């Protein structure tokens, strides 16, 4: 059985975080932006679990449960805001949602 090393987990976590980071910087669609933020959150949880596993502690796993709880709340609130913005402005493009009025 092939087991992954800590370096492989960290590299995967960095790659996922970088994809999410560049998705946030380069995309204009709020749904894609939101998914990129979630990808960054998943990358950080992967790193926490990997460090926890290789240090033989449960600290990272405990943090992951808190992160998942915050992520669930973030998804509920974030999607509600996106739906409200779409109903009001009829668009979900970030560059068209620059004004706080209307």
Protein backbone atom coordinates (compact mmCIF):
# COMPACT_ATOMS: atom_id res chain seq x y z
CA UNK A 1 0.00 0.00 0.00
CA UNK A 2 1.35 3.41 -0.98
CA UNK A 3 1.15 6.04 1.75
CA UNK A 4 1.41 9.76 1.16
CA UNK A 5 4.04 11.77 2.95
CA UNK A 6 3.52 15.07 4.71
CA UNK A 7 5.22 16.90 1.83
CA UNK A 8 2.70 15.53 -0.64
CA UNK A 9 -0.21 16.67 1.52
CA UNK A 10 1.30 20.12 1.92
CA UNK A 11 1.98 20.41 -1.81
CA UNK A 12 -1.60 19.42 -2.59
CA UNK A 13 -2.86 21.92 -0.03
CA UNK A 14 -0.71 24.70 -1.51
CA UNK A 15 -1.88 23.89 -5.04
CA UNK A 16 -5.55 23.93 -3.97
CA UNK A 17 -5.05 27.17 -2.08
CA UNK A 18 -3.30 28.76 -5.07
CA UNK A 19 -6.13 27.72 -7.42
CA UNK A 20 -8.65 29.24 -5.03
CA UNK A 21 -6.58 32.39 -4.57
CA UNK A 22 -6.22 33.01 -8.28
CA UNK A 23 -9.90 32.21 -8.73
CA UNK A 24 -10.74 34.98 -6.28
CA UNK A 25 -8.38 37.42 -7.99
CA UNK A 26 -9.28 36.70 -11.61
CA UNK A 27 -12.97 35.77 -11.71
CA UNK A 28 -15.85 38.24 -11.91
CA UNK A 29 -18.75 35.90 -11.19
CA UNK A 30 -19.80 35.91 -7.53
CA UNK A 31 -20.64 32.20 -7.52
CA UNK A 32 -17.21 31.26 -8.87
CA UNK A 33 -15.64 33.70 -6.40
CA UNK A 34 -17.56 32.03 -3.59
CA UNK A 35 -16.47 28.57 -4.73
CA UNK A 36 -12.86 29.75 -4.88
CA UNK A 37 -13.10 30.96 -1.28
CA UNK A 38 -14.45 27.57 -0.26
CA UNK A 39 -11.58 25.87 -2.10
CA UNK A 40 -9.13 27.95 -0.09
CA UNK A 41 -10.91 26.90 3.09
CA UNK A 42 -10.72 23.23 2.10
CA UNK A 43 -6.99 23.60 1.38
CA UNK A 44 -6.39 24.95 4.88
CA UNK A 45 -8.37 22.10 6.45
CA UNK A 46 -6.38 19.57 4.45
CA UNK A 47 -3.14 21.06 5.77
CA UNK A 48 -4.46 21.00 9.34
CA UNK A 49 -5.49 17.35 9.10
CA UNK A 50 -2.16 16.40 7.51
CA UNK A 51 -0.15 18.11 10.24
CA UNK A 52 -2.38 16.57 12.88
CA UNK A 53 -1.96 13.09 11.41
CA UNK A 54 1.80 13.28 11.14
CA UNK A 55 2.19 14.74 14.64
CA UNK A 56 -0.12 12.06 16.09
CA UNK A 57 -2.41 14.59 17.76
CA UNK A 58 -6.07 15.44 17.40
CA UNK A 59 -5.66 19.22 17.53
CA UNK A 60 -5.97 19.70 13.78
CA UNK A 61 -9.03 17.48 13.62
CA UNK A 62 -10.75 19.55 16.30
CA UNK A 63 -10.02 22.74 14.36
CA UNK A 64 -11.45 21.12 11.22
CA UNK A 65 -14.79 20.56 12.93
CA UNK A 66 -14.91 24.23 13.87
CA UNK A 67 -13.93 25.22 10.33
CA UNK A 68 -16.68 23.05 8.85
CA UNK A 69 -19.20 24.64 11.20
CA UNK A 70 -18.14 28.12 10.13
CA UNK A 71 -18.12 27.03 6.47
CA UNK A 72 -21.69 25.74 6.71
CA UNK A 73 -22.84 29.06 8.15
CA UNK A 74 -20.82 30.92 5.53
CA UNK A 75 -22.45 28.97 2.72
CA UNK A 76 -25.94 29.67 4.04
CA UNK A 77 -25.35 33.40 4.51
CA UNK A 78 -23.26 33.82 1.36
CA UNK A 79 -25.74 32.12 -0.94
CA UNK A 80 -28.60 34.10 0.62
CA UNK A 81 -26.72 37.33 -0.11
CA UNK A 82 -25.98 36.24 -3.68
CA UNK A 83 -29.64 35.35 -4.28
CA UNK A 84 -30.78 38.68 -2.80
CA UNK A 85 -28.30 40.57 -4.99
CA UNK A 86 -29.46 38.69 -8.08
CA UNK A 87 -33.11 39.46 -7.34
CA UNK A 88 -32.35 43.14 -6.81
CA UNK A 89 -29.80 43.79 -9.58
CA UNK A 90 -30.43 40.90 -12.02
CA UNK A 91 -26.72 40.15 -12.25
CA UNK A 92 -24.07 38.29 -10.27
CA UNK A 93 -21.01 39.89 -11.84
CA UNK A 94 -18.75 41.56 -9.29
CA UNK A 95 -17.78 44.49 -11.50
CA UNK A 96 -21.45 45.44 -11.89
CA UNK A 97 -22.12 45.25 -8.13
CA UNK A 98 -19.87 48.15 -7.15
CA UNK A 99 -22.45 50.61 -5.81
CA UNK A 100 -24.19 50.35 -2.45
CA UNK A 101 -27.18 52.38 -3.54
CA UNK A 102 -30.30 51.10 -5.35
